[in-house]
Amino acid sequence: MTPIDKSLLTGSTTMLILKLLEGTDMYGYQMIEELNLRSNNVFQLKAGTLYPLLHSLEQKDMLASYEKTVEQARVRKYYSLTAKGRKYLREKTEEWQVYTAAVNHVLGGGSFATT
């Protein structure tokens, strides 16, 4: 498989993280592993990329966090999607679908008509 240019991921990382949290609350390392798994190892986020993004999304009220004690009294910080985060995810998903359809039409040699 050809490696993916990191610049292609820049605009989509937020959307991917929000999508992961749409189904269930997760802690940071769990998000890294789940994104890896769901993308067949195409999206390999580093902690140094993920945590600043999570903090930024929390400051923008798209995520909320809480601590939970697990595994022999270990405390983990979990993140959950807020109503604002769900709305943002819906909007960005719609934009992404229009964008990818247009790119696929151009790459496929067709024309893209909007209604």
PDB file of N, CA and C in Angstrom:
ATOM      1  N   MET A   1       0.837  -1.178   0.000  1.00  0.00           N
ATOM      2  CA  MET A   1       0.000   0.000   0.000  1.00  0.00           C
ATOM      3  C   MET A   1       0.882   1.241   0.000  1.00  0.00           C
ATOM      4  N   THR A   2       0.514   2.224  -0.796  1.00  0.00           N
ATOM      5  CA  THR A   2       1.246   3.480  -0.864  1.00  0.00           C
ATOM      6  C   THR A   2       0.985   4.282   0.405  1.00  0.00           C
ATOM      7  N   PRO A   3       2.036   4.824   1.037  1.00  0.00           N
ATOM      8  CA  PRO A   3       1.819   5.647   2.238  1.00  0.00           C
ATOM      9  C   PRO A   3       0.985   6.881   1.908  1.00  0.00           C
ATOM     10  N   ILE A   4       0.170   7.303   2.853  1.00  0.00           N
ATOM     11  CA  ILE A   4      -0.691   8.470   2.684  1.00  0.00           C
ATOM     12  C   ILE A   4       0.084   9.725   3.075  1.00  0.00           C
ATOM     13  N   ASP A   5       0.019  10.738   2.208  1.00  0.00           N
ATOM     14  CA  ASP A   5       0.645  12.027   2.485  1.00  0.00           C
ATOM     15  C   ASP A   5      -0.021  12.624   3.730  1.00  0.00           C
ATOM     16  N   LYS A   6       0.780  12.969   4.722  1.00  0.00           N
ATOM     17  CA  LYS A   6       0.260  13.482   5.997  1.00  0.00           C
ATOM     18  C   LYS A   6      -0.582  14.744   5.814  1.00  0.00           C
ATOM     19  N   SER A   7      -0.306  15.536   4.787  1.00  0.00           N
ATOM     20  CA  SER A   7      -1.073  16.764   4.584  1.00  0.00           C
ATOM     21  C   SER A   7      -2.538  16.464   4.248  1.00  0.00           C
ATOM     22  N   LEU A   8      -2.805  15.276   3.703  1.00  0.00           N
ATOM     23  CA  LEU A   8      -4.191  14.900   3.410  1.00  0.00           C
ATOM     24  C   LEU A   8      -4.986  14.655   4.687  1.00  0.00           C
ATOM     25  N   LEU A   9      -4.311  14.298   5.755  1.00  0.00           N
ATOM     26  CA  LEU A   9      -4.976  13.995   7.017  1.00  0.00           C
ATOM     27  C   LEU A   9      -5.301  15.236   7.837  1.00  0.00           C
ATOM     28  N   THR A  10      -4.604  16.326   7.571  1.00  0.00           N
ATOM     29  CA  THR A  10      -4.702  17.509   8.402  1.00  0.00           C
ATOM     30  C   THR A  10      -6.141  17.963   8.631  1.00  0.00           C
ATOM     31  N   GLY A  11      -6.913  18.087   7.588  1.00  0.00           N
ATOM     32  CA  GLY A  11      -8.275  18.578   7.720  1.00  0.00           C
ATOM     33  C   GLY A  11      -9.265  17.547   8.218  1.00  0.00           C
ATOM     34  N   SER A  12      -8.909  16.285   8.173  1.00  0.00           N
ATOM     35  CA  SER A  12      -9.879  15.249   8.518  1.00  0.00           C
ATOM     36  C   SER A  12      -9.685  14.655   9.910  1.00  0.00           C
ATOM     37  N   THR A  13      -8.593  14.940  10.562  1.00  0.00           N
ATOM     38  CA  THR A  13      -8.313  14.325  11.861  1.00  0.00           C
ATOM     39  C   THR A  13      -9.406  14.640  12.890  1.00  0.00           C
ATOM     40  N   THR A  14      -9.829  15.879  12.958  1.00  0.00           N
ATOM     41  CA  THR A  14     -10.884  16.256  13.896  1.00  0.00           C
ATOM     42  C   THR A  14     -12.146  15.457  13.632  1.00  0.00           C
ATOM     43  N   MET A  15     -12.533  15.366  12.383  1.00  0.00           N
ATOM     44  CA  MET A  15     -13.743  14.630  12.014  1.00  0.00           C
ATOM     45  C   MET A  15     -13.617  13.157  12.399  1.00  0.00           C
ATOM     46  N   LEU A  16     -12.463  12.566  12.173  1.00  0.00           N
ATOM     47  CA  LEU A  16     -12.258  11.151  12.502  1.00  0.00           C
ATOM     48  C   LEU A  16     -12.359  10.909  14.011  1.00  0.00           C
ATOM     49  N   ILE A  17     -11.780  11.788  14.802  1.00  0.00           N
ATOM     50  CA  ILE A  17     -11.839  11.652  16.263  1.00  0.00           C
ATOM     51  C   ILE A  17     -13.278  11.806  16.748  1.00  0.00           C
ATOM     52  N   LEU A  18     -13.978  12.802  16.230  1.00  0.00           N
ATOM     53  CA  LEU A  18     -15.372  12.990  16.625  1.00  0.00           C
ATOM     54  C   LEU A  18     -16.221  11.779  16.242  1.00  0.00           C
ATOM     55  N   LYS A  19     -15.940  11.209  15.093  1.00  0.00           N
ATOM     56  CA  LYS A  19     -16.686  10.025  14.656  1.00  0.00           C
ATOM     57  C   LYS A  19     -16.445   8.850  15.599  1.00  0.00           C
ATOM     58  N   LEU A  20     -15.209   8.664  16.036  1.00  0.00           N
ATOM     59  CA  LEU A  20     -14.915   7.593  16.986  1.00  0.00           C
ATOM     60  C   LEU A  20     -15.742   7.757  18.260  1.00  0.00           C
ATOM     61  N   LEU A  21     -15.865   9.000  18.713  1.00  0.00           N
ATOM     62  CA  LEU A  21     -16.553   9.268  19.971  1.00  0.00           C
ATOM     63  C   LEU A  21     -18.070   9.321  19.819  1.00  0.00           C
ATOM     64  N   GLU A  22     -18.541   9.279  18.595  1.00  0.00           N
ATOM     65  CA  GLU A  22     -19.983   9.282  18.370  1.00  0.00           C
ATOM     66  C   GLU A  22     -20.631   8.023  18.945  1.00  0.00           C
ATOM     67  N   GLY A  23     -19.922   6.920  18.879  1.00  0.00           N
ATOM     68  CA  GLY A  23     -20.478   5.654  19.339  1.00  0.00           C
ATOM     69  C   GLY A  23     -20.283   5.376  20.811  1.00  0.00           C
ATOM     70  N   THR A  24     -19.160   5.811  21.371  1.00  0.00           N
ATOM     71  CA  THR A  24     -18.852   5.507  22.766  1.00  0.00           C
ATOM     72  C   THR A  24     -17.772   6.442  23.285  1.00  0.00           C
ATOM     73  N   ASP A  25     -17.751   6.647  24.575  1.00  0.00           N
ATOM     74  CA  ASP A  25     -16.681   7.435  25.189  1.00  0.00           C
ATOM     75  C   ASP A  25     -15.391   6.625  25.138  1.00  0.00           C
ATOM     76  N   MET A  26     -14.273   7.306  24.978  1.00  0.00           N
ATOM     77  CA  MET A  26     -12.975   6.631  24.895  1.00  0.00           C
ATOM     78  C   MET A  26     -11.902   7.462  25.582  1.00  0.00           C
ATOM     79  N   TYR A  27     -10.813   6.805  25.946  1.00  0.00           N
ATOM     80  CA  TYR A  27      -9.629   7.502  26.432  1.00  0.00           C
ATOM     81  C   TYR A  27      -8.633   7.593  25.280  1.00  0.00           C
ATOM     82  N   GLY A  28      -7.627   8.434  25.430  1.00  0.00           N
ATOM     83  CA  GLY A  28      -6.715   8.760  24.337  1.00  0.00           C
ATOM     84  C   GLY A  28      -6.090   7.580  23.625  1.00  0.00           C
ATOM     85  N   TYR A  29      -5.406   6.723  24.369  1.00  0.00           N
ATOM     86  CA  TYR A  29      -4.729   5.593  23.723  1.00  0.00           C
ATOM     87  C   TYR A  29      -5.733   4.679  23.015  1.00  0.00           C
ATOM     88  N   GLN A  30      -6.908   4.551  23.588  1.00  0.00           N
ATOM     89  CA  GLN A  30      -7.967   3.745  22.970  1.00  0.00           C
ATOM     90  C   GLN A  30      -8.358   4.338  21.610  1.00  0.00           C
ATOM     91  N   MET A  31      -8.416   5.657  21.514  1.00  0.00           N
ATOM     92  CA  MET A  31      -8.736   6.313  20.239  1.00  0.00           C
ATOM     93  C   MET A  31      -7.656   6.033  19.199  1.00  0.00           C
ATOM     94  N   ILE A  32      -6.404   6.115  19.622  1.00  0.00           N
ATOM     95  CA  ILE A  32      -5.289   5.845  18.705  1.00  0.00           C
ATOM     96  C   ILE A  32      -5.401   4.421  18.155  1.00  0.00           C
ATOM     97  N   GLU A  33      -5.626   3.468  19.042  1.00  0.00           N
ATOM     98  CA  GLU A  33      -5.732   2.059  18.633  1.00  0.00           C
ATOM     99  C   GLU A  33      -6.953   1.815  17.747  1.00  0.00           C
ATOM    100  N   GLU A  34      -8.082   2.399  18.112  1.00  0.00           N
ATOM    101  CA  GLU A  34      -9.324   2.193  17.348  1.00  0.00           C
ATOM    102  C   GLU A  34      -9.225   2.806  15.958  1.00  0.00           C
ATOM    103  N   LEU A  35      -8.642   3.977  15.858  1.00  0.00           N
ATOM    104  CA  LEU A  35      -8.460   4.622  14.551  1.00  0.00           C
ATOM    105  C   LEU A  35      -7.534   3.781  13.679  1.00  0.00           C
ATOM    106  N   ASN A  36      -6.482   3.270  14.266  1.00  0.00           N
ATOM    107  CA  ASN A  36      -5.569   2.367  13.566  1.00  0.00           C
ATOM    108  C   ASN A  36      -6.328   1.151  13.026  1.00  0.00           C
ATOM    109  N   LEU A  37      -7.115   0.542  13.894  1.00  0.00           N
ATOM    110  CA  LEU A  37      -7.867  -0.659  13.544  1.00  0.00           C
ATOM    111  C   LEU A  37      -8.884  -0.392  12.436  1.00  0.00           C
ATOM    112  N   ARG A  38      -9.698   0.633  12.622  1.00  0.00           N
ATOM    113  CA  ARG A  38     -10.766   0.936  11.652  1.00  0.00           C
ATOM    114  C   ARG A  38     -10.230   1.368  10.299  1.00  0.00           C
ATOM    115  N   SER A  39      -9.024   1.921  10.272  1.00  0.00           N
ATOM    116  CA  SER A  39      -8.456   2.413   9.011  1.00  0.00           C
ATOM    117  C   SER A  39      -7.456   1.428   8.398  1.00  0.00           C
ATOM    118  N   ASN A  40      -7.383   0.230   8.962  1.00  0.00           N
ATOM    119  CA  ASN A  40      -6.430  -0.761   8.469  1.00  0.00           C
ATOM    120  C   ASN A  40      -5.004  -0.207   8.484  1.00  0.00           C
ATOM    121  N   ASN A  41      -4.663   0.468   9.580  1.00  0.00           N
ATOM    122  CA  ASN A  41      -3.343   1.057   9.822  1.00  0.00           C
ATOM    123  C   ASN A  41      -2.971   2.236   8.920  1.00  0.00           C
ATOM    124  N   VAL A  42      -3.946   2.820   8.231  1.00  0.00           N
ATOM    125  CA  VAL A  42      -3.661   3.995   7.403  1.00  0.00           C
ATOM    126  C   VAL A  42      -3.514   5.233   8.286  1.00  0.00           C
ATOM    127  N   PHE A  43      -4.392   5.373   9.276  1.00  0.00           N
ATOM    128  CA  PHE A  43      -4.342   6.515  10.185  1.00  0.00           C
ATOM    129  C   PHE A  43      -3.636   6.105  11.467  1.00  0.00           C
ATOM    130  N   GLN A  44      -2.402   6.520  11.596  1.00  0.00           N
ATOM    131  CA  GLN A  44      -1.600   6.188  12.778  1.00  0.00           C
ATOM    132  C   GLN A  44      -1.266   7.468  13.525  1.00  0.00           C
ATOM    133  N   LEU A  45      -2.206   7.887  14.370  1.00  0.00           N
ATOM    134  CA  LEU A  45      -2.015   9.106  15.149  1.00  0.00           C
ATOM    135  C   LEU A  45      -0.990   8.903  16.254  1.00  0.00           C
ATOM    136  N   LYS A  46      -0.228   9.911  16.504  1.00  0.00           N
ATOM    137  CA  LYS A  46       0.714   9.920  17.618  1.00  0.00           C
ATOM    138  C   LYS A  46       0.064  10.653  18.785  1.00  0.00           C
ATOM    139  N   ALA A  47       0.444  10.300  19.996  1.00  0.00           N
ATOM    140  CA  ALA A  47      -0.091  10.959  21.189  1.00  0.00           C
ATOM    141  C   ALA A  47       0.159  12.464  21.135  1.00  0.00           C
ATOM    142  N   GLY A  48       1.304  12.862  20.606  1.00  0.00           N
ATOM    143  CA  GLY A  48       1.646  14.273  20.507  1.00  0.00           C
ATOM    144  C   GLY A  48       0.762  15.052  19.552  1.00  0.00           C
ATOM    145  N   THR A  49       0.068  14.346  18.680  1.00  0.00           N
ATOM    146  CA  THR A  49      -0.905  14.971  17.780  1.00  0.00           C
ATOM    147  C   THR A  49      -2.293  14.922  18.401  1.00  0.00           C
ATOM    148  N   LEU A  50      -2.639  13.787  18.993  1.00  0.00           N
ATOM    149  CA  LEU A  50      -3.985  13.580  19.515  1.00  0.00           C
ATOM    150  C   LEU A  50      -4.313  14.466  20.715  1.00  0.00           C
ATOM    151  N   TYR A  51      -3.462  14.488  21.722  1.00  0.00           N
ATOM    152  CA  TYR A  51      -3.825  15.181  22.966  1.00  0.00           C
ATOM    153  C   TYR A  51      -4.026  16.686  22.803  1.00  0.00           C
ATOM    154  N   PRO A  52      -3.184  17.385  22.045  1.00  0.00           N
ATOM    155  CA  PRO A  52      -3.480  18.812  21.814  1.00  0.00           C
ATOM    156  C   PRO A  52      -4.822  19.004  21.085  1.00  0.00           C
ATOM    157  N   LEU A  53      -5.134  18.092  20.156  1.00  0.00           N
ATOM    158  CA  LEU A  53      -6.411  18.170  19.453  1.00  0.00           C
ATOM    159  C   LEU A  53      -7.575  17.961  20.421  1.00  0.00           C
ATOM    160  N   LEU A  54      -7.464  16.971  21.303  1.00  0.00           N
ATOM    161  CA  LEU A  54      -8.514  16.714  22.285  1.00  0.00           C
ATOM    162  C   LEU A  54      -8.719  17.924  23.197  1.00  0.00           C
ATOM    163  N   HIS A  55      -7.638  18.537  23.645  1.00  0.00           N
ATOM    164  CA  HIS A  55      -7.743  19.714  24.517  1.00  0.00           C
ATOM    165  C   HIS A  55      -8.400  20.877  23.778  1.00  0.00           C
ATOM    166  N   SER A  56      -8.052  21.050  22.515  1.00  0.00           N
ATOM    167  CA  SER A  56      -8.644  22.115  21.708  1.00  0.00           C
ATOM    168  C   SER A  56     -10.143  21.882  21.525  1.00  0.00           C
ATOM    169  N   LEU A  57     -10.523  20.653  21.236  1.00  0.00           N
ATOM    170  CA  LEU A  57     -11.943  20.332  21.049  1.00  0.00           C
ATOM    171  C   LEU A  57     -12.725  20.498  22.348  1.00  0.00           C
ATOM    172  N   GLU A  58     -12.076  20.213  23.452  1.00  0.00           N
ATOM    173  CA  GLU A  58     -12.720  20.393  24.754  1.00  0.00           C
ATOM    174  C   GLU A  58     -12.927  21.888  25.034  1.00  0.00           C
ATOM    175  N   GLN A  59     -11.940  22.704  24.701  1.00  0.00           N
ATOM    176  CA  GLN A  59     -12.061  24.155  24.895  1.00  0.00           C
ATOM    177  C   GLN A  59     -13.160  24.749  24.022  1.00  0.00           C
ATOM    178  N   LYS A  60     -13.418  24.128  22.877  1.00  0.00           N
ATOM    179  CA  LYS A  60     -14.465  24.602  21.954  1.00  0.00           C
ATOM    180  C   LYS A  60     -15.827  23.985  22.280  1.00  0.00           C
ATOM    181  N   ASP A  61     -15.909  23.276  23.395  1.00  0.00           N
ATOM    182  CA  ASP A  61     -17.143  22.627  23.861  1.00  0.00           C
ATOM    183  C   ASP A  61     -17.676  21.558  22.906  1.00  0.00           C
ATOM    184  N   MET A  62     -16.792  20.956  22.135  1.00  0.00           N
ATOM    185  CA  MET A  62     -17.202  19.842  21.269  1.00  0.00           C
ATOM    186  C   MET A  62     -17.023  18.507  21.972  1.00  0.00           C
ATOM    187  N   LEU A  63     -16.164  18.496  22.988  1.00  0.00           N
ATOM    188  CA  LEU A  63     -15.931  17.312  23.810  1.00  0.00           C
ATOM    189  C   LEU A  63     -16.024  17.686  25.275  1.00  0.00           C
ATOM    190  N   ALA A  64     -16.397  16.701  26.076  1.00  0.00           N
ATOM    191  CA  ALA A  64     -16.327  16.820  27.532  1.00  0.00           C
ATOM    192  C   ALA A  64     -15.444  15.679  28.011  1.00  0.00           C
ATOM    193  N   SER A  65     -14.814  15.857  29.153  1.00  0.00           N
ATOM    194  CA  SER A  65     -13.961  14.791  29.678  1.00  0.00           C
ATOM    195  C   SER A  65     -14.328  14.488  31.125  1.00  0.00           C
ATOM    196  N   TYR A  66     -13.998  13.283  31.542  1.00  0.00           N
ATOM    197  CA  TYR A  66     -14.187  12.869  32.923  1.00  0.00           C
ATOM    198  C   TYR A  66     -13.186  11.774  33.237  1.00  0.00           C
ATOM    199  N   GLU A  67     -12.903  11.608  34.508  1.00  0.00           N
ATOM    200  CA  GLU A  67     -11.964  10.566  34.919  1.00  0.00           C
ATOM    201  C   GLU A  67     -12.734   9.363  35.421  1.00  0.00           C
ATOM    202  N   LYS A  68     -12.192   8.193  35.127  1.00  0.00           N
ATOM    203  CA  LYS A  68     -12.829   6.941  35.523  1.00  0.00           C
ATOM    204  C   LYS A  68     -11.741   5.986  36.016  1.00  0.00           C
ATOM    205  N   THR A  69     -11.992   5.359  37.135  1.00  0.00           N
ATOM    206  CA  THR A  69     -11.042   4.402  37.691  1.00  0.00           C
ATOM    207  C   THR A  69     -11.286   3.031  37.067  1.00  0.00           C
ATOM    208  N   VAL A  70     -10.231   2.454  36.530  1.00  0.00           N
ATOM    209  CA  VAL A  70     -10.298   1.138  35.888  1.00  0.00           C
ATOM    210  C   VAL A  70      -9.088   0.317  36.310  1.00  0.00           C
ATOM    211  N   GLU A  71      -9.092  -0.950  35.983  1.00  0.00           N
ATOM    212  CA  GLU A  71      -7.931  -1.831  36.168  1.00  0.00           C
ATOM    213  C   GLU A  71      -7.068  -1.501  37.390  1.00  0.00           C
ATOM    214  N   GLN A  72      -7.383  -2.058  38.481  1.00  0.00           N
ATOM    215  CA  GLN A  72      -6.565  -1.931  39.693  1.00  0.00           C
ATOM    216  C   GLN A  72      -6.302  -0.474  40.088  1.00  0.00           C
ATOM    217  N   ALA A  73      -7.362   0.287  40.143  1.00  0.00           N
ATOM    218  CA  ALA A  73      -7.312   1.674  40.617  1.00  0.00           C
ATOM    219  C   ALA A  73      -6.575   2.644  39.683  1.00  0.00           C
ATOM    220  N   ARG A  74      -6.404   2.267  38.435  1.00  0.00           N
ATOM    221  CA  ARG A  74      -5.792   3.187  37.463  1.00  0.00           C
ATOM    222  C   ARG A  74      -6.862   4.185  36.999  1.00  0.00           C
ATOM    223  N   VAL A  75      -6.507   5.458  36.982  1.00  0.00           N
ATOM    224  CA  VAL A  75      -7.452   6.498  36.569  1.00  0.00           C
ATOM    225  C   VAL A  75      -7.159   6.892  35.126  1.00  0.00           C
ATOM    226  N   ARG A  76      -8.205   6.859  34.313  1.00  0.00           N
ATOM    227  CA  ARG A  76      -8.072   7.261  32.902  1.00  0.00           C
ATOM    228  C   ARG A  76      -9.001   8.432  32.622  1.00  0.00           C
ATOM    229  N   LYS A  77      -8.572   9.279  31.707  1.00  0.00           N
ATOM    230  CA  LYS A  77      -9.397  10.411  31.296  1.00  0.00           C
ATOM    231  C   LYS A  77     -10.154  10.011  30.032  1.00  0.00           C
ATOM    232  N   TYR A  78     -11.461   9.993  30.138  1.00  0.00           N
ATOM    233  CA  TYR A  78     -12.321   9.639  29.010  1.00  0.00           C
ATOM    234  C   TYR A  78     -12.893  10.903  28.385  1.00  0.00           C
ATOM    235  N   TYR A  79     -13.169  10.816  27.095  1.00  0.00           N
ATOM    236  CA  TYR A  79     -13.746  11.933  26.355  1.00  0.00           C
ATOM    237  C   TYR A  79     -15.085  11.501  25.782  1.00  0.00           C
ATOM    238  N   SER A  80     -16.037  12.439  25.793  1.00  0.00           N
ATOM    239  CA  SER A  80     -17.352  12.172  25.214  1.00  0.00           C
ATOM    240  C   SER A  80     -17.743  13.328  24.303  1.00  0.00           C
ATOM    241  N   LEU A  81     -18.556  13.022  23.336  1.00  0.00           N
ATOM    242  CA  LEU A  81     -19.022  13.998  22.360  1.00  0.00           C
ATOM    243  C   LEU A  81     -20.163  14.816  22.964  1.00  0.00           C
ATOM    244  N   THR A  82     -20.113  16.124  22.791  1.00  0.00           N
ATOM    245  CA  THR A  82     -21.200  16.996  23.256  1.00  0.00           C
ATOM    246  C   THR A  82     -22.180  17.228  22.107  1.00  0.00           C
ATOM    247  N   ALA A  83     -23.286  17.878  22.397  1.00  0.00           N
ATOM    248  CA  ALA A  83     -24.269  18.214  21.349  1.00  0.00           C
ATOM    249  C   ALA A  83     -23.615  19.090  20.269  1.00  0.00           C
ATOM    250  N   LYS A  84     -22.776  20.030  20.702  1.00  0.00           N
ATOM    251  CA  LYS A  84     -22.075  20.901  19.750  1.00  0.00           C
ATOM    252  C   LYS A  84     -21.131  20.072  18.872  1.00  0.00           C
ATOM    253  N   GLY A  85     -20.461  19.082  19.469  1.00  0.00           N
ATOM    254  CA  GLY A  85     -19.573  18.205  18.715  1.00  0.00           C
ATOM    255  C   GLY A  85     -20.335  17.353  17.712  1.00  0.00           C
ATOM    256  N   ARG A  86     -21.521  16.871  18.104  1.00  0.00           N
ATOM    257  CA  ARG A  86     -22.355  16.073  17.186  1.00  0.00           C
ATOM    258  C   ARG A  86     -22.800  16.907  15.984  1.00  0.00           C
ATOM    259  N   LYS A  87     -23.189  18.137  16.250  1.00  0.00           N
ATOM    260  CA  LYS A  87     -23.614  19.037  15.170  1.00  0.00           C
ATOM    261  C   LYS A  87     -22.450  19.308  14.212  1.00  0.00           C
ATOM    262  N   TYR A  88     -21.297  19.598  14.776  1.00  0.00           N
ATOM    263  CA  TYR A  88     -20.107  19.860  13.962  1.00  0.00           C
ATOM    264  C   TYR A  88     -19.754  18.632  13.114  1.00  0.00           C
ATOM    265  N   LEU A  89     -19.834  17.450  13.712  1.00  0.00           N
ATOM    266  CA  LEU A  89     -19.548  16.214  12.986  1.00  0.00           C
ATOM    267  C   LEU A  89     -20.512  16.028  11.821  1.00  0.00           C
ATOM    268  N   ARG A  90     -21.798  16.271  12.033  1.00  0.00           N
ATOM    269  CA  ARG A  90     -22.780  16.159  10.942  1.00  0.00           C
ATOM    270  C   ARG A  90     -22.437  17.101   9.796  1.00  0.00           C
ATOM    271  N   GLU A  91     -22.132  18.360  10.147  1.00  0.00           N
ATOM    272  CA  GLU A  91     -21.806  19.362   9.125  1.00  0.00           C
ATOM    273  C   GLU A  91     -20.558  18.965   8.342  1.00  0.00           C
ATOM    274  N   LYS A  92     -19.507  18.565   9.045  1.00  0.00           N
ATOM    275  CA  LYS A  92     -18.249  18.211   8.393  1.00  0.00           C
ATOM    276  C   LYS A  92     -18.377  16.924   7.571  1.00  0.00           C
ATOM    277  N   THR A  93     -19.213  16.000   8.024  1.00  0.00           N
ATOM    278  CA  THR A  93     -19.439  14.766   7.264  1.00  0.00           C
ATOM    279  C   THR A  93     -20.114  15.086   5.936  1.00  0.00           C
ATOM    280  N   GLU A  94     -21.105  15.970   5.970  1.00  0.00           N
ATOM    281  CA  GLU A  94     -21.776  16.386   4.729  1.00  0.00           C
ATOM    282  C   GLU A  94     -20.790  17.064   3.782  1.00  0.00           C
ATOM    283  N   GLU A  95     -19.974  17.975   4.316  1.00  0.00           N
ATOM    284  CA  GLU A  95     -18.958  18.644   3.491  1.00  0.00           C
ATOM    285  C   GLU A  95     -18.001  17.627   2.884  1.00  0.00           C
ATOM    286  N   TRP A  96     -17.562  16.665   3.680  1.00  0.00           N
ATOM    287  CA  TRP A  96     -16.623  15.647   3.234  1.00  0.00           C
ATOM    288  C   TRP A  96     -17.224  14.826   2.102  1.00  0.00           C
ATOM    289  N   GLN A  97     -18.501  14.482   2.210  1.00  0.00           N
ATOM    290  CA  GLN A  97     -19.149  13.674   1.178  1.00  0.00           C
ATOM    291  C   GLN A  97     -19.217  14.423  -0.145  1.00  0.00           C
ATOM    292  N   VAL A  98     -19.526  15.711  -0.102  1.00  0.00           N
ATOM    293  CA  VAL A  98     -19.552  16.523  -1.320  1.00  0.00           C
ATOM    294  C   VAL A  98     -18.141  16.614  -1.909  1.00  0.00           C
ATOM    295  N   TYR A  99     -17.160  16.875  -1.056  1.00  0.00           N
ATOM    296  CA  TYR A  99     -15.774  17.014  -1.488  1.00  0.00           C
ATOM    297  C   TYR A  99     -15.246  15.727  -2.127  1.00  0.00           C
ATOM    298  N   THR A 100     -15.439  14.588  -1.451  1.00  0.00           N
ATOM    299  CA  THR A 100     -14.908  13.333  -1.991  1.00  0.00           C
ATOM    300  C   THR A 100     -15.628  12.918  -3.273  1.00  0.00           C
ATOM    301  N   ALA A 101     -16.925  13.209  -3.362  1.00  0.00           N
ATOM    302  CA  ALA A 101     -17.650  12.900  -4.602  1.00  0.00           C
ATOM    303  C   ALA A 101     -17.075  13.714  -5.760  1.00  0.00           C
ATOM    304  N   ALA A 102     -16.791  14.989  -5.512  1.00  0.00           N
ATOM    305  CA  ALA A 102     -16.223  15.843  -6.559  1.00  0.00           C
ATOM    306  C   ALA A 102     -14.830  15.365  -6.970  1.00  0.00           C
ATOM    307  N   VAL A 103     -13.986  15.042  -5.997  1.00  0.00           N
ATOM    308  CA  VAL A 103     -12.641  14.547  -6.301  1.00  0.00           C
ATOM    309  C   VAL A 103     -12.728  13.245  -7.082  1.00  0.00           C
ATOM    310  N   ASN A 104     -13.584  12.325  -6.654  1.00  0.00           N
ATOM    311  CA  ASN A 104     -13.727  11.048  -7.351  1.00  0.00           C
ATOM    312  C   ASN A 104     -14.221  11.228  -8.777  1.00  0.00           C
ATOM    313  N   HIS A 105     -15.124  12.195  -8.993  1.00  0.00           N
ATOM    314  CA  HIS A 105     -15.597  12.455 -10.353  1.00  0.00           C
ATOM    315  C   HIS A 105     -14.463  12.983 -11.233  1.00  0.00           C
ATOM    316  N   VAL A 106     -13.684  13.890 -10.694  1.00  0.00           N
ATOM    317  CA  VAL A 106     -12.568  14.444 -11.461  1.00  0.00           C
ATOM    318  C   VAL A 106     -11.540  13.355 -11.750  1.00  0.00           C
ATOM    319  N   LEU A 107     -11.161  12.584 -10.753  1.00  0.00           N
ATOM    320  CA  LEU A 107     -10.178  11.524 -10.952  1.00  0.00           C
ATOM    321  C   LEU A 107     -10.680  10.441 -11.895  1.00  0.00           C
ATOM    322  N   GLY A 108     -11.997  10.233 -11.877  1.00  0.00           N
ATOM    323  CA  GLY A 108     -12.584   9.216 -12.743  1.00  0.00           C
ATOM    324  C   GLY A 108     -12.840   9.717 -14.155  1.00  0.00           C
ATOM    325  N   GLY A 109     -12.588  10.996 -14.406  1.00  0.00           N
ATOM    326  CA  GLY A 109     -12.749  11.544 -15.740  1.00  0.00           C
ATOM    327  C   GLY A 109     -14.159  12.047 -16.042  1.00  0.00           C
ATOM    328  N   GLY A 110     -15.025  11.980 -15.072  1.00  0.00           N
ATOM    329  CA  GLY A 110     -16.399  12.423 -15.287  1.00  0.00           C
ATOM    330  C   GLY A 110     -16.568  13.869 -14.933  1.00  0.00           C
ATOM    331  N   SER A 111     -17.792  14.334 -15.075  1.00  0.00           N
ATOM    332  CA  SER A 111     -18.098  15.692 -14.649  1.00  0.00           C
ATOM    333  C   SER A 111     -18.985  15.604 -13.416  1.00  0.00           C
ATOM    334  N   PHE A 112     -18.982  16.645 -12.652  1.00  0.00           N
ATOM    335  CA  PHE A 112     -19.719  16.665 -11.395  1.00  0.00           C
ATOM    336  C   PHE A 112     -20.800  17.716 -11.520  1.00  0.00           C
ATOM    337  N   ALA A 113     -22.047  17.286 -11.468  1.00  0.00           N
ATOM    338  CA  ALA A 113     -23.161  18.224 -11.582  1.00  0.00           C
ATOM    339  C   ALA A 113     -23.841  18.345 -10.232  1.00  0.00           C
ATOM    340  N   THR A 114     -24.113  19.573  -9.841  1.00  0.00           N
ATOM    341  CA  THR A 114     -24.858  19.791  -8.598  1.00  0.00           C
ATOM    342  C   THR A 114     -26.275  20.151  -8.958  1.00  0.00           C
ATOM    343  N   THR A 115     -27.173  19.825  -8.068  1.00  0.00           N
ATOM    344  CA  THR A 115     -28.582  20.132  -8.345  1.00  0.00           C
ATOM    345  C   THR A 115     -29.078  21.236  -7.477  1.00  0.00           C
TER     346      THR A 115
END
